[in-house]
PDB file of all heavy atoms in Angstrom:
ATOM      1  N   ILE A   1    -165.396  13.690 -65.153  1.00  0.00           N
ATOM      2  CA  ILE A   1    -165.866  14.091 -63.821  1.00  0.00           C
ATOM      3  C   ILE A   1    -167.186  13.389 -63.510  1.00  0.00           C
ATOM      4  O   ILE A   1    -167.363  12.826 -62.433  1.00  0.00           O
ATOM      5  CB  ILE A   1    -166.010  15.618 -63.719  1.00  0.00           C
ATOM      6  CG1 ILE A   1    -164.623  16.274 -63.703  1.00  0.00           C
ATOM      7  CG2 ILE A   1    -166.800  16.005 -62.468  1.00  0.00           C
ATOM      8  CD1 ILE A   1    -164.639  17.791 -63.775  1.00  0.00           C
ATOM      9  N   ALA A   2    -168.124  13.415 -64.456  1.00  0.00           N
ATOM     10  CA  ALA A   2    -169.439  12.792 -64.240  1.00  0.00           C
ATOM     11  C   ALA A   2    -169.320  11.303 -63.946  1.00  0.00           C
ATOM     12  O   ALA A   2    -170.134  10.747 -63.206  1.00  0.00           O
ATOM     13  CB  ALA A   2    -170.342  13.027 -65.451  1.00  0.00           C
ATOM     14  N   ALA A   3    -168.310  10.655 -64.498  1.00  0.00           N
ATOM     15  CA  ALA A   3    -168.120   9.220 -64.267  1.00  0.00           C
ATOM     16  C   ALA A   3    -167.683   8.918 -62.835  1.00  0.00           C
ATOM     17  O   ALA A   3    -167.824   7.783 -62.376  1.00  0.00           O
ATOM     18  CB  ALA A   3    -167.083   8.668 -65.252  1.00  0.00           C
ATOM     19  N   SER A   4    -167.185   9.938 -62.127  1.00  0.00           N
ATOM     20  CA  SER A   4    -166.641   9.712 -60.785  1.00  0.00           C
ATOM     21  C   SER A   4    -167.416  10.405 -59.678  1.00  0.00           C
ATOM     22  O   SER A   4    -166.921  10.522 -58.559  1.00  0.00           O
ATOM     23  CB  SER A   4    -165.182  10.186 -60.740  1.00  0.00           C
ATOM     24  OG  SER A   4    -164.391   9.405 -61.601  1.00  0.00           O
ATOM     25  N   THR A   5    -168.632  10.904 -59.968  1.00  0.00           N
ATOM     26  CA  THR A   5    -169.423  11.572 -58.933  1.00  0.00           C
ATOM     27  C   THR A   5    -170.909  11.354 -59.196  1.00  0.00           C
ATOM     28  O   THR A   5    -171.299  11.050 -60.322  1.00  0.00           O
ATOM     29  CB  THR A   5    -169.122  13.092 -58.875  1.00  0.00           C
ATOM     30  OG1 THR A   5    -169.803  13.673 -57.765  1.00  0.00           O
ATOM     31  CG2 THR A   5    -169.533  13.803 -60.152  1.00  0.00           C
ATOM     32  N   THR A   6    -171.705  11.519 -58.153  1.00  0.00           N
ATOM     33  CA  THR A   6    -173.160  11.491 -58.319  1.00  0.00           C
ATOM     34  C   THR A   6    -173.729  12.909 -58.385  1.00  0.00           C
ATOM     35  O   THR A   6    -174.933  13.082 -58.519  1.00  0.00           O
ATOM     36  CB  THR A   6    -173.830  10.734 -57.153  1.00  0.00           C
ATOM     37  OG1 THR A   6    -173.473  11.362 -55.918  1.00  0.00           O
ATOM     38  CG2 THR A   6    -173.404   9.273 -57.139  1.00  0.00           C
ATOM     39  N   LEU A   7    -172.880  13.913 -58.282  1.00  0.00           N
ATOM     40  CA  LEU A   7    -173.319  15.302 -58.389  1.00  0.00           C
ATOM     41  C   LEU A   7    -173.676  15.637 -59.831  1.00  0.00           C
ATOM     42  O   LEU A   7    -173.106  15.070 -60.763  1.00  0.00           O
ATOM     43  CB  LEU A   7    -172.211  16.246 -57.918  1.00  0.00           C
ATOM     44  CG  LEU A   7    -171.823  16.174 -56.445  1.00  0.00           C
ATOM     45  CD1 LEU A   7    -170.592  17.030 -56.180  1.00  0.00           C
ATOM     46  CD2 LEU A   7    -172.981  16.618 -55.570  1.00  0.00           C
ATOM     47  N   PRO A   8    -174.596  16.597 -60.024  1.00  0.00           N
ATOM     48  CA  PRO A   8    -174.857  17.038 -61.393  1.00  0.00           C
ATOM     49  C   PRO A   8    -173.627  17.736 -61.974  1.00  0.00           C
ATOM     50  O   PRO A   8    -172.944  18.489 -61.264  1.00  0.00           O
ATOM     51  CB  PRO A   8    -176.013  18.023 -61.259  1.00  0.00           C
ATOM     52  CG  PRO A   8    -176.370  18.115 -59.827  1.00  0.00           C
ATOM     53  CD  PRO A   8    -175.432  17.267 -59.035  1.00  0.00           C
ATOM     54  N   VAL A   9    -173.364  17.474 -63.241  1.00  0.00           N
ATOM     55  CA  VAL A   9    -172.237  18.089 -63.947  1.00  0.00           C
ATOM     56  C   VAL A   9    -172.790  18.848 -65.148  1.00  0.00           C
ATOM     57  O   VAL A   9    -173.584  18.306 -65.914  1.00  0.00           O
ATOM     58  CB  VAL A   9    -171.210  17.037 -64.409  1.00  0.00           C
ATOM     59  CG1 VAL A   9    -170.089  17.686 -65.212  1.00  0.00           C
ATOM     60  CG2 VAL A   9    -170.637  16.274 -63.216  1.00  0.00           C
ATOM     61  N   ILE A  10    -172.348  20.090 -65.285  1.00  0.00           N
ATOM     62  CA  ILE A  10    -172.731  20.919 -66.419  1.00  0.00           C
ATOM     63  C   ILE A  10    -171.475  21.161 -67.246  1.00  0.00           C
ATOM     64  O   ILE A  10    -170.491  21.692 -66.737  1.00  0.00           O
ATOM     65  CB  ILE A  10    -173.330  22.267 -65.961  1.00  0.00           C
ATOM     66  CG1 ILE A  10    -174.530  22.036 -65.031  1.00  0.00           C
ATOM     67  CG2 ILE A  10    -173.716  23.114 -67.177  1.00  0.00           C
ATOM     68  CD1 ILE A  10    -174.999  23.287 -64.311  1.00  0.00           C
ATOM     69  N   GLY A  11    -171.529  20.776 -68.504  1.00  0.00           N
ATOM     70  CA  GLY A  11    -170.389  20.958 -69.388  1.00  0.00           C
ATOM     71  C   GLY A  11    -170.502  22.251 -70.179  1.00  0.00           C
ATOM     72  O   GLY A  11    -171.563  22.580 -70.692  1.00  0.00           O
ATOM     73  N   VAL A  12    -169.391  22.967 -70.273  1.00  0.00           N
ATOM     74  CA  VAL A  12    -169.304  24.170 -71.095  1.00  0.00           C
ATOM     75  C   VAL A  12    -168.320  23.882 -72.228  1.00  0.00           C
ATOM     76  O   VAL A  12    -167.114  23.803 -71.991  1.00  0.00           O
ATOM     77  CB  VAL A  12    -168.811  25.393 -70.287  1.00  0.00           C
ATOM     78  CG1 VAL A  12    -168.700  26.623 -71.185  1.00  0.00           C
ATOM     79  CG2 VAL A  12    -169.702  25.660 -69.090  1.00  0.00           C
ATOM     80  N   PRO A  13    -168.821  23.695 -73.442  1.00  0.00           N
ATOM     81  CA  PRO A  13    -167.895  23.515 -74.564  1.00  0.00           C
ATOM     82  C   PRO A  13    -167.187  24.846 -74.857  1.00  0.00           C
ATOM     83  O   PRO A  13    -167.847  25.880 -74.959  1.00  0.00           O
ATOM     84  CB  PRO A  13    -168.795  23.112 -75.733  1.00  0.00           C
ATOM     85  CG  PRO A  13    -170.199  23.254 -75.281  1.00  0.00           C
ATOM     86  CD  PRO A  13    -170.212  23.606 -73.840  1.00  0.00           C
ATOM     87  N   ILE A  14    -165.873  24.798 -74.941  1.00  0.00           N
ATOM     88  CA  ILE A  14    -165.089  26.014 -75.156  1.00  0.00           C
ATOM     89  C   ILE A  14    -164.657  26.073 -76.624  1.00  0.00           C
ATOM     90  O   ILE A  14    -164.150  25.091 -77.165  1.00  0.00           O
ATOM     91  CB  ILE A  14    -163.860  26.038 -74.230  1.00  0.00           C
ATOM     92  CG1 ILE A  14    -164.317  25.843 -72.800  1.00  0.00           C
ATOM     93  CG2 ILE A  14    -163.011  27.273 -74.477  1.00  0.00           C
ATOM     94  CD1 ILE A  14    -164.166  26.912 -71.841  1.00  0.00           C
ATOM     95  N   LYS A  15    -164.886  27.229 -77.208  1.00  0.00           N
ATOM     96  CA  LYS A  15    -164.558  27.420 -78.627  1.00  0.00           C
ATOM     97  C   LYS A  15    -163.060  27.270 -78.839  1.00  0.00           C
ATOM     98  O   LYS A  15    -162.257  27.894 -78.167  1.00  0.00           O
ATOM     99  CB  LYS A  15    -165.029  28.804 -79.081  1.00  0.00           C
ATOM    100  CG  LYS A  15    -164.869  29.057 -80.550  1.00  0.00           C
ATOM    101  CD  LYS A  15    -165.473  30.396 -80.910  1.00  0.00           C
ATOM    102  CE  LYS A  15    -165.395  30.641 -82.401  1.00  0.00           C
ATOM    103  NZ  LYS A  15    -166.037  31.912 -82.756  1.00  0.00           N
ATOM    104  N   GLY A  16    -162.723  26.434 -79.759  1.00  0.00           N
ATOM    105  CA  GLY A  16    -161.325  26.237 -80.152  1.00  0.00           C
ATOM    106  C   GLY A  16    -161.346  25.900 -81.620  1.00  0.00           C
ATOM    107  O   GLY A  16    -161.715  26.716 -82.456  1.00  0.00           O
ATOM    108  N   MET A  17    -161.058  24.683 -81.920  1.00  0.00           N
ATOM    109  CA  MET A  17    -161.144  24.229 -83.303  1.00  0.00           C
ATOM    110  C   MET A  17    -162.620  24.019 -83.661  1.00  0.00           C
ATOM    111  O   MET A  17    -163.448  23.788 -82.792  1.00  0.00           O
ATOM    112  CB  MET A  17    -160.368  22.925 -83.447  1.00  0.00           C
ATOM    113  CG  MET A  17    -158.885  23.079 -83.097  1.00  0.00           C
ATOM    114  SD  MET A  17    -157.989  21.539 -83.174  1.00  0.00           S
ATOM    115  CE  MET A  17    -157.852  21.365 -84.939  1.00  0.00           C
ATOM    116  N   LEU A  18    -162.941  24.136 -84.909  1.00  0.00           N
ATOM    117  CA  LEU A  18    -164.302  23.907 -85.418  1.00  0.00           C
ATOM    118  C   LEU A  18    -165.341  24.768 -84.702  1.00  0.00           C
ATOM    119  O   LEU A  18    -166.479  24.353 -84.499  1.00  0.00           O
ATOM    120  CB  LEU A  18    -164.669  22.426 -85.327  1.00  0.00           C
ATOM    121  CG  LEU A  18    -163.730  21.438 -86.024  1.00  0.00           C
ATOM    122  CD1 LEU A  18    -164.182  20.008 -85.770  1.00  0.00           C
ATOM    123  CD2 LEU A  18    -163.648  21.725 -87.511  1.00  0.00           C
ATOM    124  N   ASP A  19    -164.954  25.955 -84.274  1.00  0.00           N
ATOM    125  CA  ASP A  19    -165.840  26.900 -83.577  1.00  0.00           C
ATOM    126  C   ASP A  19    -166.511  26.309 -82.345  1.00  0.00           C
ATOM    127  O   ASP A  19    -167.595  26.724 -81.964  1.00  0.00           O
ATOM    128  CB  ASP A  19    -166.898  27.457 -84.535  1.00  0.00           C
ATOM    129  CG  ASP A  19    -166.321  28.476 -85.511  1.00  0.00           C
ATOM    130  OD1 ASP A  19    -165.324  29.134 -85.153  1.00  0.00           O
ATOM    131  OD2 ASP A  19    -166.870  28.614 -86.610  1.00  0.00           O
ATOM    132  N   GLY A  20    -165.904  25.320 -81.734  1.00  0.00           N
ATOM    133  CA  GLY A  20    -166.439  24.721 -80.519  1.00  0.00           C
ATOM    134  C   GLY A  20    -167.376  23.551 -80.755  1.00  0.00           C
ATOM    135  O   GLY A  20    -167.805  22.884 -79.818  1.00  0.00           O
ATOM    136  N   LEU A  21    -167.690  23.278 -82.026  1.00  0.00           N
ATOM    137  CA  LEU A  21    -168.578  22.155 -82.339  1.00  0.00           C
ATOM    138  C   LEU A  21    -167.972  20.834 -81.886  1.00  0.00           C
ATOM    139  O   LEU A  21    -168.680  19.968 -81.357  1.00  0.00           O
ATOM    140  CB  LEU A  21    -168.886  22.111 -83.835  1.00  0.00           C
ATOM    141  CG  LEU A  21    -169.822  21.008 -84.304  1.00  0.00           C
ATOM    142  CD1 LEU A  21    -171.188  21.131 -83.637  1.00  0.00           C
ATOM    143  CD2 LEU A  21    -169.970  21.048 -85.823  1.00  0.00           C
ATOM    144  N   ASP A  22    -166.667  20.679 -82.048  1.00  0.00           N
ATOM    145  CA  ASP A  22    -165.995  19.457 -81.610  1.00  0.00           C
ATOM    146  C   ASP A  22    -166.161  19.253 -80.108  1.00  0.00           C
ATOM    147  O   ASP A  22    -166.500  18.162 -79.642  1.00  0.00           O
ATOM    148  CB  ASP A  22    -164.517  19.462 -82.001  1.00  0.00           C
ATOM    149  CG  ASP A  22    -163.782  20.746 -81.601  1.00  0.00           C
ATOM    150  OD1 ASP A  22    -164.444  21.772 -81.333  1.00  0.00           O
ATOM    151  OD2 ASP A  22    -162.541  20.725 -81.572  1.00  0.00           O
ATOM    152  N   ALA A  23    -165.981  20.327 -79.335  1.00  0.00           N
ATOM    153  CA  ALA A  23    -166.123  20.236 -77.884  1.00  0.00           C
ATOM    154  C   ALA A  23    -167.571  19.942 -77.496  1.00  0.00           C
ATOM    155  O   ALA A  23    -167.844  19.100 -76.634  1.00  0.00           O
ATOM    156  CB  ALA A  23    -165.655  21.534 -77.228  1.00  0.00           C
ATOM    157  N   MET A  24    -168.513  20.618 -78.154  1.00  0.00           N
ATOM    158  CA  MET A  24    -169.921  20.406 -77.834  1.00  0.00           C
ATOM    159  C   MET A  24    -170.327  18.957 -78.099  1.00  0.00           C
ATOM    160  O   MET A  24    -170.970  18.319 -77.267  1.00  0.00           O
ATOM    161  CB  MET A  24    -170.814  21.345 -78.631  1.00  0.00           C
ATOM    162  CG  MET A  24    -172.286  21.210 -78.267  1.00  0.00           C
ATOM    163  SD  MET A  24    -173.363  22.252 -79.246  1.00  0.00           S
ATOM    164  CE  MET A  24    -173.141  21.558 -80.857  1.00  0.00           C
ATOM    165  N   LEU A  25    -169.932  18.432 -79.237  1.00  0.00           N
ATOM    166  CA  LEU A  25    -170.293  17.050 -79.567  1.00  0.00           C
ATOM    167  C   LEU A  25    -169.662  16.062 -78.581  1.00  0.00           C
ATOM    168  O   LEU A  25    -170.292  15.072 -78.208  1.00  0.00           O
ATOM    169  CB  LEU A  25    -169.892  16.714 -81.002  1.00  0.00           C
ATOM    170  CG  LEU A  25    -170.704  17.432 -82.075  1.00  0.00           C
ATOM    171  CD1 LEU A  25    -170.117  17.184 -83.455  1.00  0.00           C
ATOM    172  CD2 LEU A  25    -172.164  17.025 -82.029  1.00  0.00           C
ATOM    173  N   SER A  26    -168.447  16.334 -78.147  1.00  0.00           N
ATOM    174  CA  SER A  26    -167.800  15.461 -77.161  1.00  0.00           C
ATOM    175  C   SER A  26    -168.575  15.442 -75.850  1.00  0.00           C
ATOM    176  O   SER A  26    -168.717  14.396 -75.217  1.00  0.00           O
ATOM    177  CB  SER A  26    -166.367  15.925 -76.889  1.00  0.00           C
ATOM    178  OG  SER A  26    -165.564  15.721 -78.010  1.00  0.00           O
ATOM    179  N   ILE A  27    -169.080  16.599 -75.443  1.00  0.00           N
ATOM    180  CA  ILE A  27    -169.763  16.689 -74.154  1.00  0.00           C
ATOM    181  C   ILE A  27    -171.166  16.103 -74.210  1.00  0.00           C
ATOM    182  O   ILE A  27    -171.600  15.432 -73.277  1.00  0.00           O
ATOM    183  CB  ILE A  27    -169.784  18.152 -73.651  1.00  0.00           C
ATOM    184  CG1 ILE A  27    -168.353  18.639 -73.401  1.00  0.00           C
ATOM    185  CG2 ILE A  27    -170.609  18.275 -72.378  1.00  0.00           C
ATOM    186  CD1 ILE A  27    -168.238  20.131 -73.106  1.00  0.00           C
ATOM    187  N   ILE A  28    -171.887  16.311 -75.309  1.00  0.00           N
ATOM    188  CA  ILE A  28    -173.282  15.846 -75.346  1.00  0.00           C
ATOM    189  C   ILE A  28    -173.420  14.357 -75.643  1.00  0.00           C
ATOM    190  O   ILE A  28    -174.470  13.784 -75.407  1.00  0.00           O
ATOM    191  CB  ILE A  28    -174.153  16.653 -76.335  1.00  0.00           C
ATOM    192  CG1 ILE A  28    -173.675  16.485 -77.761  1.00  0.00           C
ATOM    193  CG2 ILE A  28    -174.214  18.104 -75.934  1.00  0.00           C
ATOM    194  CD1 ILE A  28    -174.590  17.130 -78.794  1.00  0.00           C
ATOM    195  N   GLN A  29    -172.361  13.725 -76.120  1.00  0.00           N
ATOM    196  CA  GLN A  29    -172.461  12.316 -76.493  1.00  0.00           C
ATOM    197  C   GLN A  29    -172.010  11.393 -75.365  1.00  0.00           C
ATOM    198  O   GLN A  29    -171.129  10.557 -75.528  1.00  0.00           O
ATOM    199  CB  GLN A  29    -171.636  12.049 -77.757  1.00  0.00           C
ATOM    200  CG  GLN A  29    -172.166  12.801 -78.942  1.00  0.00           C
ATOM    201  CD  GLN A  29    -171.433  12.453 -80.208  1.00  0.00           C
ATOM    202  OE1 GLN A  29    -171.865  11.581 -80.940  1.00  0.00           O
ATOM    203  NE2 GLN A  29    -170.316  13.124 -80.438  1.00  0.00           N
ATOM    204  N   MET A  30    -172.655  11.517 -74.223  1.00  0.00           N
ATOM    205  CA  MET A  30    -172.314  10.689 -73.074  1.00  0.00           C
ATOM    206  C   MET A  30    -173.101   9.383 -73.119  1.00  0.00           C
ATOM    207  O   MET A  30    -174.250   9.359 -73.572  1.00  0.00           O
ATOM    208  CB  MET A  30    -172.613  11.445 -71.780  1.00  0.00           C
ATOM    209  CG  MET A  30    -171.741  12.678 -71.578  1.00  0.00           C
ATOM    210  SD  MET A  30    -169.971  12.318 -71.599  1.00  0.00           S
ATOM    211  CE  MET A  30    -169.857  11.190 -70.241  1.00  0.00           C
ATOM    212  N   PRO A  31    -172.503   8.306 -72.624  1.00  0.00           N
ATOM    213  CA  PRO A  31    -173.213   7.028 -72.620  1.00  0.00           C
ATOM    214  C   PRO A  31    -174.313   7.008 -71.555  1.00  0.00           C
ATOM    215  O   PRO A  31    -174.273   7.790 -70.601  1.00  0.00           O
ATOM    216  CB  PRO A  31    -172.109   6.020 -72.279  1.00  0.00           C
ATOM    217  CG  PRO A  31    -171.096   6.806 -71.529  1.00  0.00           C
ATOM    218  CD  PRO A  31    -171.148   8.196 -72.086  1.00  0.00           C
ATOM    219  N   PRO A  32    -175.284   6.116 -71.701  1.00  0.00           N
ATOM    220  CA  PRO A  32    -176.347   5.999 -70.695  1.00  0.00           C
ATOM    221  C   PRO A  32    -175.756   5.812 -69.293  1.00  0.00           C
ATOM    222  O   PRO A  32    -174.792   5.074 -69.106  1.00  0.00           O
ATOM    223  CB  PRO A  32    -177.121   4.760 -71.132  1.00  0.00           C
ATOM    224  CG  PRO A  32    -176.839   4.629 -72.593  1.00  0.00           C
ATOM    225  CD  PRO A  32    -175.440   5.139 -72.785  1.00  0.00           C
ATOM    226  N   GLY A  33    -176.324   6.522 -68.345  1.00  0.00           N
ATOM    227  CA  GLY A  33    -175.882   6.405 -66.956  1.00  0.00           C
ATOM    228  C   GLY A  33    -174.879   7.460 -66.532  1.00  0.00           C
ATOM    229  O   GLY A  33    -174.612   7.611 -65.340  1.00  0.00           O
ATOM    230  N   ILE A  34    -174.306   8.184 -67.488  1.00  0.00           N
ATOM    231  CA  ILE A  34    -173.323   9.217 -67.165  1.00  0.00           C
ATOM    232  C   ILE A  34    -173.768  10.526 -67.830  1.00  0.00           C
ATOM    233  O   ILE A  34    -173.174  10.987 -68.799  1.00  0.00           O
ATOM    234  CB  ILE A  34    -171.896   8.835 -67.662  1.00  0.00           C
ATOM    235  CG1 ILE A  34    -171.506   7.424 -67.272  1.00  0.00           C
ATOM    236  CG2 ILE A  34    -170.868   9.852 -67.148  1.00  0.00           C
ATOM    237  CD1 ILE A  34    -171.335   7.202 -65.780  1.00  0.00           C
ATOM    238  N   PRO A  35    -174.850  11.142 -67.320  1.00  0.00           N
ATOM    239  CA  PRO A  35    -175.337  12.369 -67.967  1.00  0.00           C
ATOM    240  C   PRO A  35    -174.457  13.576 -67.659  1.00  0.00           C
ATOM    241  O   PRO A  35    -173.871  13.672 -66.583  1.00  0.00           O
ATOM    242  CB  PRO A  35    -176.724  12.555 -67.345  1.00  0.00           C
ATOM    243  CG  PRO A  35    -176.599  11.944 -65.991  1.00  0.00           C
ATOM    244  CD  PRO A  35    -175.667  10.762 -66.161  1.00  0.00           C
ATOM    245  N   VAL A  36    -174.365  14.455 -68.635  1.00  0.00           N
ATOM    246  CA  VAL A  36    -173.733  15.755 -68.460  1.00  0.00           C
ATOM    247  C   VAL A  36    -174.662  16.771 -69.119  1.00  0.00           C
ATOM    248  O   VAL A  36    -174.930  16.679 -70.320  1.00  0.00           O
ATOM    249  CB  VAL A  36    -172.333  15.821 -69.113  1.00  0.00           C
ATOM    250  CG1 VAL A  36    -171.774  17.239 -69.042  1.00  0.00           C
ATOM    251  CG2 VAL A  36    -171.371  14.849 -68.442  1.00  0.00           C
ATOM    252  N   ALA A  37    -175.182  17.704 -68.340  1.00  0.00           N
ATOM    253  CA  ALA A  37    -175.961  18.794 -68.926  1.00  0.00           C
ATOM    254  C   ALA A  37    -174.982  19.636 -69.742  1.00  0.00           C
ATOM    255  O   ALA A  37    -173.832  19.809 -69.341  1.00  0.00           O
ATOM    256  CB  ALA A  37    -176.606  19.637 -67.833  1.00  0.00           C
ATOM    257  N   THR A  38    -175.423  20.136 -70.866  1.00  0.00           N
ATOM    258  CA  THR A  38    -174.520  20.887 -71.731  1.00  0.00           C
ATOM    259  C   THR A  38    -175.168  22.199 -72.139  1.00  0.00           C
ATOM    260  O   THR A  38    -176.326  22.219 -72.544  1.00  0.00           O
ATOM    261  CB  THR A  38    -174.168  20.067 -72.997  1.00  0.00           C
ATOM    262  OG1 THR A  38    -173.728  18.774 -72.605  1.00  0.00           O
ATOM    263  CG2 THR A  38    -173.078  20.741 -73.796  1.00  0.00           C
ATOM    264  N   VAL A  39    -174.412  23.279 -72.007  1.00  0.00           N
ATOM    265  CA  VAL A  39    -174.877  24.590 -72.458  1.00  0.00           C
ATOM    266  C   VAL A  39    -174.201  24.906 -73.791  1.00  0.00           C
ATOM    267  O   VAL A  39    -173.396  24.126 -74.289  1.00  0.00           O
ATOM    268  CB  VAL A  39    -174.586  25.678 -71.396  1.00  0.00           C
ATOM    269  CG1 VAL A  39    -175.395  25.415 -70.121  1.00  0.00           C
ATOM    270  CG2 VAL A  39    -173.099  25.771 -71.092  1.00  0.00           C
ATOM    271  N   GLY A  40    -174.508  26.042 -74.348  1.00  0.00           N
ATOM    272  CA  GLY A  40    -173.928  26.430 -75.631  1.00  0.00           C
ATOM    273  C   GLY A  40    -172.435  26.687 -75.545  1.00  0.00           C
ATOM    274  O   GLY A  40    -171.855  26.808 -74.459  1.00  0.00           O
ATOM    275  N   VAL A  41    -171.821  26.795 -76.706  1.00  0.00           N
ATOM    276  CA  VAL A  41    -170.387  27.046 -76.793  1.00  0.00           C
ATOM    277  C   VAL A  41    -170.062  28.376 -76.099  1.00  0.00           C
ATOM    278  O   VAL A  41    -170.707  29.396 -76.351  1.00  0.00           O
ATOM    279  CB  VAL A  41    -169.932  27.075 -78.271  1.00  0.00           C
ATOM    280  CG1 VAL A  41    -168.467  27.476 -78.380  1.00  0.00           C
ATOM    281  CG2 VAL A  41    -170.168  25.717 -78.932  1.00  0.00           C
ATOM    282  N   ASN A  42    -169.101  28.319 -75.201  1.00  0.00           N
ATOM    283  CA  ASN A  42    -168.631  29.474 -74.410  1.00  0.00           C
ATOM    284  C   ASN A  42    -169.701  30.053 -73.484  1.00  0.00           C
ATOM    285  O   ASN A  42    -169.554  31.163 -72.991  1.00  0.00           O
ATOM    286  CB  ASN A  42    -168.085  30.584 -75.311  1.00  0.00           C
ATOM    287  CG  ASN A  42    -166.721  30.269 -75.878  1.00  0.00           C
ATOM    288  OD1 ASN A  42    -166.174  29.198 -75.664  1.00  0.00           O
ATOM    289  ND2 ASN A  42    -166.171  31.196 -76.631  1.00  0.00           N
ATOM    290  N   ALA A  43    -170.767  29.329 -73.231  1.00  0.00           N
ATOM    291  CA  ALA A  43    -171.888  29.839 -72.431  1.00  0.00           C
ATOM    292  C   ALA A  43    -171.716  29.528 -70.942  1.00  0.00           C
ATOM    293  O   ALA A  43    -172.613  28.984 -70.288  1.00  0.00           O
ATOM    294  CB  ALA A  43    -173.205  29.288 -72.957  1.00  0.00           C
ATOM    295  N   ALA A  44    -170.584  29.915 -70.393  1.00  0.00           N
ATOM    296  CA  ALA A  44    -170.302  29.650 -68.978  1.00  0.00           C
ATOM    297  C   ALA A  44    -171.306  30.334 -68.056  1.00  0.00           C
ATOM    298  O   ALA A  44    -171.670  29.785 -67.010  1.00  0.00           O
ATOM    299  CB  ALA A  44    -168.879  30.084 -68.632  1.00  0.00           C
ATOM    300  N   MET A  45    -171.769  31.520 -68.443  1.00  0.00           N
ATOM    301  CA  MET A  45    -172.750  32.192 -67.586  1.00  0.00           C
ATOM    302  C   MET A  45    -174.037  31.382 -67.514  1.00  0.00           C
ATOM    303  O   MET A  45    -174.621  31.249 -66.436  1.00  0.00           O
ATOM    304  CB  MET A  45    -173.034  33.604 -68.080  1.00  0.00           C
ATOM    305  CG  MET A  45    -173.951  34.347 -67.136  1.00  0.00           C
ATOM    306  SD  MET A  45    -173.916  36.084 -67.475  1.00  0.00           S
ATOM    307  CE  MET A  45    -175.274  36.624 -66.470  1.00  0.00           C
ATOM    308  N   ASN A  46    -174.493  30.831 -68.635  1.00  0.00           N
ATOM    309  CA  ASN A  46    -175.689  29.987 -68.590  1.00  0.00           C
ATOM    310  C   ASN A  46    -175.457  28.754 -67.720  1.00  0.00           C
ATOM    311  O   ASN A  46    -176.368  28.304 -67.025  1.00  0.00           O
ATOM    312  CB  ASN A  46    -176.132  29.575 -69.992  1.00  0.00           C
ATOM    313  CG  ASN A  46    -177.081  30.578 -70.614  1.00  0.00           C
ATOM    314  OD1 ASN A  46    -177.508  31.521 -69.965  1.00  0.00           O
ATOM    315  ND2 ASN A  46    -177.408  30.371 -71.865  1.00  0.00           N
ATOM    316  N   ALA A  47    -174.254  28.221 -67.740  1.00  0.00           N
ATOM    317  CA  ALA A  47    -173.941  27.089 -66.870  1.00  0.00           C
ATOM    318  C   ALA A  47    -174.077  27.492 -65.409  1.00  0.00           C
ATOM    319  O   ALA A  47    -174.627  26.749 -64.594  1.00  0.00           O
ATOM    320  CB  ALA A  47    -172.531  26.568 -67.157  1.00  0.00           C
TER     321      ALA A  47
END
């Protein structure tokens, strides 16, 4: 989504395998120029 918009994007890693660590690492490891703010695992309210 972040790659296709100039709007701010907030990622919520959802707990699944590896207690959500896999999802969190996928979201926080964005390349330069494509930022995604990331909250804690399952922390949709904080998002």
